[in-house]
Amino acid sequence: MKTLREVPIGSTARVVKLHGEGAIKRRIMDMGITRGTEIFVRKVAPLGDPIELNVRGYELSLRKADAELIEVE
């Protein structure tokens, strides 16, 4: 299993599955991250958290803890 946190900078990944439950999963889905969505990893903050992504044409910053809940291929 590969998570969004493991995707290198400058790469694109496709969401396979969302892990987690309740409010956390709902918040991730509300940001537009659903199964089949392509996510481009733009950059990582200097201290490693958060990760800056491009999702569905907009920029999004996501904590590493949340990125670990997103399984990608």
Protein backbone atom coordinates (compact mmCIF):
# COMPACT_ATOMS: atom_id res chain seq x y z
CA MET A 1 0.00 0.00 0.00
CA LYS A 2 1.37 3.41 -1.02
CA THR A 3 0.06 6.58 0.63
CA LEU A 4 -0.03 10.16 -0.61
CA ARG A 5 2.69 11.01 1.90
CA GLU A 6 5.14 8.75 -0.02
CA VAL A 7 4.57 10.35 -3.43
CA PRO A 8 7.67 12.32 -4.52
CA ILE A 9 7.53 16.05 -5.31
CA GLY A 10 6.58 16.71 -8.94
CA SER A 11 4.66 13.43 -9.33
CA THR A 12 1.02 12.69 -9.93
CA ALA A 13 -0.92 9.94 -8.16
CA ARG A 14 -4.48 8.59 -8.41
CA VAL A 15 -6.55 8.01 -5.27
CA VAL A 16 -7.43 4.35 -4.74
CA LYS A 17 -9.00 4.42 -1.28
CA LEU A 18 -9.58 6.72 1.69
CA HIS A 19 -8.87 5.31 5.13
CA GLY A 20 -10.00 6.79 8.42
CA GLU A 21 -13.48 7.29 9.75
CA GLY A 22 -16.11 9.87 10.49
CA ALA A 23 -15.24 13.56 10.45
CA ILE A 24 -11.67 13.07 9.17
CA LYS A 25 -12.78 11.05 6.13
CA ARG A 26 -15.65 13.48 5.45
CA ARG A 27 -13.28 16.49 5.62
CA ILE A 28 -10.90 14.89 3.12
CA MET A 29 -13.79 14.12 0.77
CA ASP A 30 -15.13 17.68 1.13
CA MET A 31 -11.76 18.94 -0.15
CA GLY A 32 -12.41 17.08 -3.41
CA ILE A 33 -10.19 14.08 -2.69
CA THR A 34 -12.27 11.08 -3.68
CA ARG A 35 -11.55 7.73 -5.32
CA GLY A 36 -10.17 8.16 -8.84
CA THR A 37 -9.05 11.78 -8.34
CA GLU A 38 -5.61 12.68 -9.69
CA ILE A 39 -3.39 14.60 -7.27
CA PHE A 40 -0.19 16.43 -8.23
CA VAL A 41 2.34 16.94 -5.41
CA ARG A 42 3.72 20.49 -5.88
CA LYS A 43 6.01 20.87 -2.89
CA VAL A 44 6.62 20.10 0.76
CA ALA A 45 7.11 22.76 3.42
CA PRO A 46 10.70 23.26 4.67
CA LEU A 47 10.04 21.35 7.91
CA GLY A 48 8.14 18.62 6.05
CA ASP A 49 4.60 19.54 7.00
CA PRO A 50 2.24 20.40 5.26
CA ILE A 51 2.31 19.06 1.70
CA GLU A 52 1.12 21.37 -1.09
CA LEU A 53 -1.05 19.62 -3.68
CA ASN A 54 -2.93 20.44 -6.86
CA VAL A 55 -6.37 18.77 -6.79
CA ARG A 56 -9.10 19.32 -9.40
CA GLY A 57 -7.52 22.57 -10.56
CA TYR A 58 -6.96 24.21 -7.18
CA GLU A 59 -4.11 24.29 -4.67
CA LEU A 60 -4.49 22.53 -1.35
CA SER A 61 -2.24 22.15 1.69
CA LEU A 62 -2.62 18.90 3.58
CA ARG A 63 -1.00 17.69 6.80
CA LYS A 64 1.16 14.57 6.58
CA ALA A 65 -1.09 12.80 9.08
CA ASP A 66 -4.04 13.29 6.71
CA ALA A 67 -1.94 12.34 3.67
CA GLU A 68 -1.23 8.96 5.29
CA LEU A 69 -4.96 8.20 5.18
CA ILE A 70 -5.06 8.49 1.37
CA GLU A 71 -4.04 5.34 -0.51
CA VAL A 72 -2.76 6.03 -4.04
CA GLU A 73 -1.37 4.21 -7.06
